[in-house]
Amino acid sequence: MPMKTIFLLHTLFLSLFATITPDYFTKEGFCVVETKEQKILGLTRFNTKKEFQKSCNSKMIFKYKEDRCRYFTMKSMKFNIYIEDRDQKTLFRVGEIREVCGKTIIEEIID
């Protein structure tokens, strides 16, 4: 089975059992996720941009212990976002899979 398929199945399976609330919020109201389950669930917990804006003040911060590269997917997303890693901030479109690098990855909506 291709690695992308395994990754997508794993994401879907965990999203069935993960809680919707992120690990914690910043004082600005941004969502922060640190646990594996919350990272996999990511923004798929939101059906619309408005829901994401209301729940996380338009920004989700992924915190990792190691400064390395990893893959993020937009396969099951419903709206485009911007993604920022240690090197750049770029538009991340529905359906894309992208390698991002760093200890902190930020996904956000910019109006």
C-alpha atoms as a PDB file:
ATOM      1  CA  MET A   1       0.000   0.000   0.000  1.00  0.00           C
ATOM      2  CA  PRO A   2       1.465   3.421  -0.923  1.00  0.00           C
ATOM      3  CA  MET A   3       2.697   5.586   1.975  1.00  0.00           C
ATOM      4  CA  LYS A   4       0.278   8.414   1.104  1.00  0.00           C
ATOM      5  CA  THR A   5      -2.674   6.015   1.345  1.00  0.00           C
ATOM      6  CA  ILE A   6      -1.505   4.694   4.717  1.00  0.00           C
ATOM      7  CA  PHE A   7      -1.095   8.263   5.993  1.00  0.00           C
ATOM      8  CA  LEU A   8      -4.608   9.239   4.866  1.00  0.00           C
ATOM      9  CA  LEU A   9      -6.188   6.138   6.407  1.00  0.00           C
ATOM     10  CA  HIS A  10      -4.363   6.780   9.676  1.00  0.00           C
ATOM     11  CA  THR A  11      -5.597  10.384   9.672  1.00  0.00           C
ATOM     12  CA  LEU A  12      -9.200   9.361   9.056  1.00  0.00           C
ATOM     13  CA  PHE A  13      -9.110   6.648  11.719  1.00  0.00           C
ATOM     14  CA  LEU A  14      -7.706   8.935  14.410  1.00  0.00           C
ATOM     15  CA  SER A  15     -10.103  11.737  13.545  1.00  0.00           C
ATOM     16  CA  LEU A  16     -12.973   9.436  14.533  1.00  0.00           C
ATOM     17  CA  PHE A  17     -11.662   9.107  18.095  1.00  0.00           C
ATOM     18  CA  ALA A  18      -9.851  12.380  18.812  1.00  0.00           C
ATOM     19  CA  THR A  19     -11.486  15.129  20.814  1.00  0.00           C
ATOM     20  CA  ILE A  20     -12.299  18.280  18.906  1.00  0.00           C
ATOM     21  CA  THR A  21     -10.767  20.714  21.425  1.00  0.00           C
ATOM     22  CA  PRO A  22      -7.069  21.502  20.815  1.00  0.00           C
ATOM     23  CA  ASP A  23      -4.484  20.818  23.515  1.00  0.00           C
ATOM     24  CA  TYR A  24      -4.647  24.466  24.658  1.00  0.00           C
ATOM     25  CA  PHE A  25      -5.160  28.066  23.528  1.00  0.00           C
ATOM     26  CA  THR A  26      -2.748  31.015  23.546  1.00  0.00           C
ATOM     27  CA  LYS A  27      -3.771  34.253  25.271  1.00  0.00           C
ATOM     28  CA  GLU A  28      -4.625  35.577  21.779  1.00  0.00           C
ATOM     29  CA  GLY A  29      -7.085  32.704  21.299  1.00  0.00           C
ATOM     30  CA  PHE A  30      -4.984  30.684  18.831  1.00  0.00           C
ATOM     31  CA  CYS A  31      -5.291  26.876  18.957  1.00  0.00           C
ATOM     32  CA  VAL A  32      -2.139  24.968  19.921  1.00  0.00           C
ATOM     33  CA  VAL A  33      -1.727  21.240  19.283  1.00  0.00           C
ATOM     34  CA  GLU A  34       1.099  19.130  20.705  1.00  0.00           C
ATOM     35  CA  THR A  35      -0.242  15.576  21.010  1.00  0.00           C
ATOM     36  CA  LYS A  36      -0.017  13.167  18.094  1.00  0.00           C
ATOM     37  CA  GLU A  37      -3.804  12.737  17.883  1.00  0.00           C
ATOM     38  CA  GLN A  38      -4.447  16.477  17.824  1.00  0.00           C
ATOM     39  CA  LYS A  39      -1.765  17.049  15.175  1.00  0.00           C
ATOM     40  CA  ILE A  40      -3.281  14.386  12.933  1.00  0.00           C
ATOM     41  CA  LEU A  41      -6.780  15.792  13.405  1.00  0.00           C
ATOM     42  CA  GLY A  42      -5.445  19.298  12.672  1.00  0.00           C
ATOM     43  CA  LEU A  43      -7.830  21.582  10.807  1.00  0.00           C
ATOM     44  CA  THR A  44     -10.067  18.730   9.611  1.00  0.00           C
ATOM     45  CA  ARG A  45     -12.111  19.339  12.778  1.00  0.00           C
ATOM     46  CA  PHE A  46     -13.489  22.509  11.126  1.00  0.00           C
ATOM     47  CA  ASN A  47     -16.079  22.414   8.343  1.00  0.00           C
ATOM     48  CA  THR A  48     -15.778  26.076   7.333  1.00  0.00           C
ATOM     49  CA  LYS A  49     -13.376  29.011   7.494  1.00  0.00           C
ATOM     50  CA  LYS A  50     -15.819  30.800   9.801  1.00  0.00           C
ATOM     51  CA  GLU A  51     -15.796  27.890  12.237  1.00  0.00           C
ATOM     52  CA  PHE A  52     -11.977  27.926  12.277  1.00  0.00           C
ATOM     53  CA  GLN A  53     -11.895  31.712  12.701  1.00  0.00           C
ATOM     54  CA  LYS A  54     -14.343  31.560  15.609  1.00  0.00           C
ATOM     55  CA  SER A  55     -12.719  28.616  17.403  1.00  0.00           C
ATOM     56  CA  CYS A  56      -9.015  29.443  16.911  1.00  0.00           C
ATOM     57  CA  ASN A  57      -8.931  33.132  16.011  1.00  0.00           C
ATOM     58  CA  SER A  58      -7.831  32.051  12.490  1.00  0.00           C
ATOM     59  CA  LYS A  59      -4.600  30.335  13.566  1.00  0.00           C
ATOM     60  CA  MET A  60      -3.497  26.822  14.598  1.00  0.00           C
ATOM     61  CA  ILE A  61       0.019  26.254  15.940  1.00  0.00           C
ATOM     62  CA  PHE A  62       1.597  22.796  15.717  1.00  0.00           C
ATOM     63  CA  LYS A  63       4.386  22.266  18.304  1.00  0.00           C
ATOM     64  CA  TYR A  64       6.995  19.517  17.857  1.00  0.00           C
ATOM     65  CA  LYS A  65       9.886  18.369  20.064  1.00  0.00           C
ATOM     66  CA  GLU A  66      12.253  17.844  17.131  1.00  0.00           C
ATOM     67  CA  ASP A  67      13.356  20.390  14.533  1.00  0.00           C
ATOM     68  CA  ARG A  68      12.925  18.274  11.403  1.00  0.00           C
ATOM     69  CA  CYS A  69      10.873  17.964   8.230  1.00  0.00           C
ATOM     70  CA  ARG A  70       7.491  16.203   8.028  1.00  0.00           C
ATOM     71  CA  TYR A  71       4.566  15.972   5.601  1.00  0.00           C
ATOM     72  CA  PHE A  72       1.302  17.874   5.982  1.00  0.00           C
ATOM     73  CA  THR A  73      -1.732  17.022   3.857  1.00  0.00           C
ATOM     74  CA  MET A  74      -4.756  18.999   2.719  1.00  0.00           C
ATOM     75  CA  LYS A  75      -6.452  15.939   1.192  1.00  0.00           C
ATOM     76  CA  SER A  76      -9.490  16.044   3.498  1.00  0.00           C
ATOM     77  CA  MET A  77      -9.637  19.829   3.998  1.00  0.00           C
ATOM     78  CA  LYS A  78     -12.550  22.013   2.968  1.00  0.00           C
ATOM     79  CA  PHE A  79     -10.756  25.374   2.546  1.00  0.00           C
ATOM     80  CA  ASN A  80      -7.316  26.753   1.643  1.00  0.00           C
ATOM     81  CA  ILE A  81      -4.984  28.155   4.316  1.00  0.00           C
ATOM     82  CA  TYR A  82      -1.511  29.622   4.648  1.00  0.00           C
ATOM     83  CA  ILE A  83       1.183  27.428   6.174  1.00  0.00           C
ATOM     84  CA  GLU A  84       4.379  28.725   7.752  1.00  0.00           C
ATOM     85  CA  ASP A  85       7.440  26.687   8.651  1.00  0.00           C
ATOM     86  CA  ARG A  86      10.978  27.734   9.566  1.00  0.00           C
ATOM     87  CA  ASP A  87      11.716  28.767   5.966  1.00  0.00           C
ATOM     88  CA  GLN A  88       8.610  30.334   4.428  1.00  0.00           C
ATOM     89  CA  LYS A  89       4.890  31.125   4.512  1.00  0.00           C
ATOM     90  CA  THR A  90       2.914  29.903   1.486  1.00  0.00           C
ATOM     91  CA  LEU A  91      -0.626  29.201   0.345  1.00  0.00           C
ATOM     92  CA  PHE A  92      -1.597  25.574   1.077  1.00  0.00           C
ATOM     93  CA  ARG A  93      -4.463  24.447  -1.178  1.00  0.00           C
ATOM     94  CA  VAL A  94      -7.078  21.747  -0.697  1.00  0.00           C
ATOM     95  CA  GLY A  95      -5.738  18.443  -2.047  1.00  0.00           C
ATOM     96  CA  GLU A  96      -2.029  19.205  -1.632  1.00  0.00           C
ATOM     97  CA  ILE A  97       0.598  17.294   0.327  1.00  0.00           C
ATOM     98  CA  ARG A  98       3.637  19.311   1.333  1.00  0.00           C
ATOM     99  CA  GLU A  99       6.867  18.865   3.249  1.00  0.00           C
ATOM    100  CA  VAL A 100       7.313  21.441   6.027  1.00  0.00           C
ATOM    101  CA  CYS A 101      10.258  21.829   8.389  1.00  0.00           C
ATOM    102  CA  GLY A 102      10.758  23.132  11.917  1.00  0.00           C
ATOM    103  CA  LYS A 103       9.689  22.746  15.540  1.00  0.00           C
ATOM    104  CA  THR A 104       6.711  25.067  15.054  1.00  0.00           C
ATOM    105  CA  ILE A 105       4.343  24.967  12.075  1.00  0.00           C
ATOM    106  CA  ILE A 106       1.549  27.549  11.791  1.00  0.00           C
ATOM    107  CA  GLU A 107      -1.616  27.206   9.723  1.00  0.00           C
ATOM    108  CA  GLU A 108      -3.749  30.304   9.364  1.00  0.00           C
ATOM    109  CA  ILE A 109      -6.346  32.171   7.357  1.00  0.00           C
ATOM    110  CA  ILE A 110      -5.314  35.595   6.087  1.00  0.00           C
ATOM    111  CA  ASP A 111      -8.155  37.768   4.834  1.00  0.00           C
END
